[in-house]
Amino acid sequence: MVKASVYIATSLDGFIARPDGALDWLNGWQASAQDGDYGYQAFMDSVDVIVIGRATFETVLSFGQWPYAKKVVVLSSRPAPDLPLLAQEQIEWLGLAPRALVDHLAAQGAQHLYVDGGKTVQGFLNAGLIDDIILTRIPILIGAGIPLFGAVTHDIRLHAIETRQFDSGMVQTRYCCVKRET
């Protein structure tokens, strides 16, 4: 069975980016030596495949250097653009629905997916495919932007597993998604 997890940061008012997709509000938040990397590397070490939407992919491309050393699946119904040469072999461009994608990746041996990007996370949540969410709240209000959570097709119950407060002022909570009875 494939596990799907979200590891993401939001502003305190629940946005993952400004309305234009900008992440500038994340600049200047430095982890102290005691904070470490907020558990990011341990999380990434547990992941087989990163699943992102096209908008998130384009944001990652703007970083200048490809940050992932793992397979990345970009969910998009539009054709793939020219991909960075160094990352071409590790990027798969698919137009599948979340359930079909999970089945496709399970058949390839994937065990743990990192699901990232607003629409992609929302699609996986609505399909009941997210197992856990690690949400880091940045103590800043940006007033408007792209929300992490949008309309849902049904109630999605979460159970808080752990909450950590960091010297930087960030608060990180790990939630387990309570699976619906079918």
Protein backbone atom coordinates (compact mmCIF):
# COMPACT_ATOMS: atom_id res chain seq x y z
CA MET A 1 0.00 0.00 0.00
CA VAL A 2 1.31 3.45 -0.92
CA LYS A 3 1.47 6.11 1.77
CA ALA A 4 0.87 9.73 0.72
CA SER A 5 2.08 12.61 2.88
CA VAL A 6 2.02 16.39 2.77
CA TYR A 7 4.90 18.46 4.20
CA ILE A 8 4.12 22.13 3.72
CA ALA A 9 4.26 25.60 5.25
CA THR A 10 1.51 28.19 5.35
CA SER A 11 1.21 31.73 6.54
CA LEU A 12 -0.73 32.00 9.77
CA ASP A 13 -3.77 32.98 7.70
CA GLY A 14 -3.52 29.73 5.70
CA PHE A 15 -1.84 30.69 2.42
CA ILE A 16 0.95 28.74 0.69
CA ALA A 17 1.81 31.59 -1.70
CA ARG A 18 0.77 35.10 -2.68
CA PRO A 19 -2.02 35.42 -5.32
CA ASP A 20 0.64 35.50 -8.07
CA GLY A 21 2.40 32.43 -6.64
CA ALA A 22 5.25 34.42 -5.05
CA LEU A 23 6.97 32.95 -2.00
CA ASP A 24 8.87 36.09 -0.95
CA TRP A 25 7.10 36.12 2.43
CA LEU A 26 9.10 33.00 3.35
CA ASN A 27 12.40 34.89 3.06
CA GLY A 28 14.07 35.84 6.31
CA TRP A 29 12.72 32.96 8.38
CA GLN A 30 15.90 31.32 9.53
CA ALA A 31 16.02 28.22 11.64
CA SER A 32 18.16 28.42 14.75
CA ALA A 33 20.72 25.73 15.47
CA GLN A 34 18.19 24.19 17.87
CA ASP A 35 15.43 24.27 15.24
CA GLY A 36 17.47 22.30 12.72
CA ASP A 37 15.71 21.80 9.40
CA TYR A 38 12.23 21.27 10.92
CA GLY A 39 12.44 17.55 10.18
CA TYR A 40 12.57 18.11 6.42
CA GLN A 41 15.56 15.90 5.63
CA ALA A 42 14.23 12.97 7.68
CA PHE A 43 10.90 13.35 5.88
CA MET A 44 12.59 13.47 2.45
CA ASP A 45 14.67 10.40 3.32
CA SER A 46 11.40 8.48 3.83
CA VAL A 47 9.91 9.46 0.46
CA ASP A 48 10.20 7.53 -2.84
CA VAL A 49 8.36 9.89 -5.20
CA ILE A 50 7.45 13.59 -5.15
CA VAL A 51 4.08 14.45 -6.70
CA ILE A 52 3.49 18.09 -7.68
CA GLY A 53 1.21 20.05 -9.96
CA ARG A 54 2.34 22.15 -12.90
CA ALA A 55 2.23 25.48 -10.99
CA THR A 56 4.44 24.06 -8.23
CA PHE A 57 6.77 22.60 -10.86
CA GLU A 58 7.13 26.02 -12.49
CA THR A 59 7.83 27.60 -9.10
CA VAL A 60 10.52 24.99 -8.40
CA LEU A 61 12.09 25.69 -11.81
CA SER A 62 12.38 29.37 -10.86
CA PHE A 63 14.72 28.42 -7.99
CA GLY A 64 17.49 28.12 -10.60
CA GLN A 65 18.87 24.79 -9.43
CA TRP A 66 16.83 21.57 -9.45
CA PRO A 67 16.42 20.71 -5.73
CA TYR A 68 15.30 17.09 -5.91
CA ALA A 69 17.36 13.92 -6.20
CA LYS A 70 14.25 11.72 -6.35
CA LYS A 71 11.68 10.86 -8.95
CA VAL A 72 9.20 13.71 -9.49
CA VAL A 73 5.77 13.25 -11.04
CA VAL A 74 4.17 16.41 -12.39
CA LEU A 75 0.38 16.20 -12.64
CA SER A 76 -0.84 18.22 -15.59
CA SER A 77 -3.21 17.79 -18.49
CA ARG A 78 -1.11 20.23 -20.55
CA PRO A 79 1.95 19.03 -22.51
CA ALA A 80 5.30 19.05 -20.77
CA PRO A 81 7.63 21.97 -21.47
CA ASP A 82 11.32 21.50 -22.12
CA LEU A 83 12.63 20.00 -18.91
CA PRO A 84 15.93 20.84 -17.20
CA LEU A 85 18.59 18.57 -18.69
CA LEU A 86 19.85 17.37 -15.32
CA ALA A 87 16.35 16.44 -14.18
CA GLN A 88 14.87 14.92 -17.37
CA GLU A 89 15.40 11.31 -16.32
CA GLN A 90 13.76 11.77 -12.94
CA ILE A 91 10.67 13.73 -14.05
CA GLU A 92 7.53 11.98 -15.27
CA TRP A 93 4.73 14.14 -16.69
CA LEU A 94 1.27 12.59 -16.27
CA GLY A 95 -2.34 13.67 -16.66
CA LEU A 96 -3.83 11.12 -14.26
CA ALA A 97 -6.41 11.55 -11.52
CA PRO A 98 -5.00 11.03 -7.98
CA ARG A 99 -6.33 7.46 -7.53
CA ALA A 100 -5.05 6.37 -10.96
CA LEU A 101 -1.68 7.97 -10.22
CA VAL A 102 -1.34 6.15 -6.90
CA ASP A 103 -2.18 2.85 -8.64
CA HIS A 104 0.35 3.63 -11.40
CA LEU A 105 3.11 4.43 -8.89
CA ALA A 106 2.26 1.42 -6.69
CA ALA A 107 2.72 -0.80 -9.75
CA GLN A 108 6.19 0.73 -10.12
CA GLY A 109 7.03 -0.11 -6.49
CA ALA A 110 6.55 3.31 -4.88
CA GLN A 111 5.87 3.17 -1.15
CA HIS A 112 5.79 6.78 0.11
CA LEU A 113 4.66 9.84 -1.87
CA TYR A 114 5.34 13.45 -0.98
CA VAL A 115 2.35 15.39 -2.32
CA ASP A 116 2.96 19.13 -2.76
CA GLY A 117 1.15 22.12 -4.24
CA GLY A 118 -2.27 23.55 -3.47
CA LYS A 119 -4.43 21.95 -6.17
CA THR A 120 -2.55 18.66 -5.99
CA VAL A 121 -2.92 18.43 -2.21
CA GLN A 122 -6.62 19.34 -2.50
CA GLY A 123 -7.18 16.66 -5.15
CA PHE A 124 -5.48 13.97 -3.07
CA LEU A 125 -7.42 15.03 0.05
CA ASN A 126 -10.75 14.91 -1.79
CA ALA A 127 -9.86 11.45 -3.10
CA GLY A 128 -9.11 10.26 0.46
CA LEU A 129 -5.50 9.47 -0.40
CA ILE A 130 -3.55 11.59 2.10
CA ASP A 131 -2.35 9.67 5.14
CA ASP A 132 -0.66 12.46 7.05
CA ILE A 133 0.01 16.18 6.90
CA ILE A 134 3.01 17.93 8.42
CA LEU A 135 1.97 21.58 8.51
CA THR A 136 4.35 24.33 9.56
CA ARG A 137 2.66 27.64 10.32
CA ILE A 138 4.84 30.69 9.70
CA PRO A 139 3.97 33.57 12.06
CA ILE A 140 3.10 36.08 9.34
CA LEU A 141 -0.19 37.31 7.94
CA ILE A 142 -0.10 37.97 4.18
CA GLY A 143 -3.81 38.77 3.79
CA ALA A 144 -4.45 37.07 0.45
CA GLY A 145 -3.02 34.28 -1.60
CA ILE A 146 -3.30 30.69 -2.66
CA PRO A 147 -4.91 28.70 0.16
CA LEU A 148 -3.64 25.28 1.13
CA PHE A 149 -7.14 23.99 1.65
CA GLY A 150 -10.03 24.71 -0.67
CA ALA A 151 -13.53 23.32 -1.04
CA VAL A 152 -13.83 19.68 -0.07
CA THR A 153 -16.32 17.10 -1.31
CA HIS A 154 -16.80 15.70 2.20
CA ASP A 155 -15.62 16.34 5.74
CA ILE A 156 -12.01 15.33 6.23
CA ARG A 157 -11.20 14.50 9.83
CA LEU A 158 -7.69 14.94 11.12
CA HIS A 159 -6.07 13.80 14.35
CA ALA A 160 -3.15 15.82 15.73
CA ILE A 161 -0.24 13.50 16.48
CA GLU A 162 2.45 15.97 17.52
CA THR A 163 2.96 19.73 17.74
CA ARG A 164 6.36 21.40 18.02
CA GLN A 165 7.18 25.06 18.60
CA PHE A 166 10.48 26.36 17.26
CA ASP A 167 12.73 29.22 18.37
CA SER A 168 11.98 30.92 15.05
CA GLY A 169 8.33 31.24 16.12
CA MET A 170 7.13 28.59 13.69
CA VAL A 171 4.72 25.95 14.90
CA GLN A 172 4.63 22.55 13.23
CA THR A 173 1.82 20.03 13.69
CA ARG A 174 1.71 16.51 12.33
CA TYR A 175 -1.80 15.29 11.57
CA CYS A 176 -3.04 11.84 10.69
CA CYS A 177 -5.96 11.79 8.26
CA VAL A 178 -8.80 9.70 9.62
CA LYS A 179 -9.93 7.44 6.79
CA ARG A 180 -13.64 7.32 5.99
CA GLU A 181 -15.62 4.13 6.25
CA THR A 182 -16.52 2.91 2.77
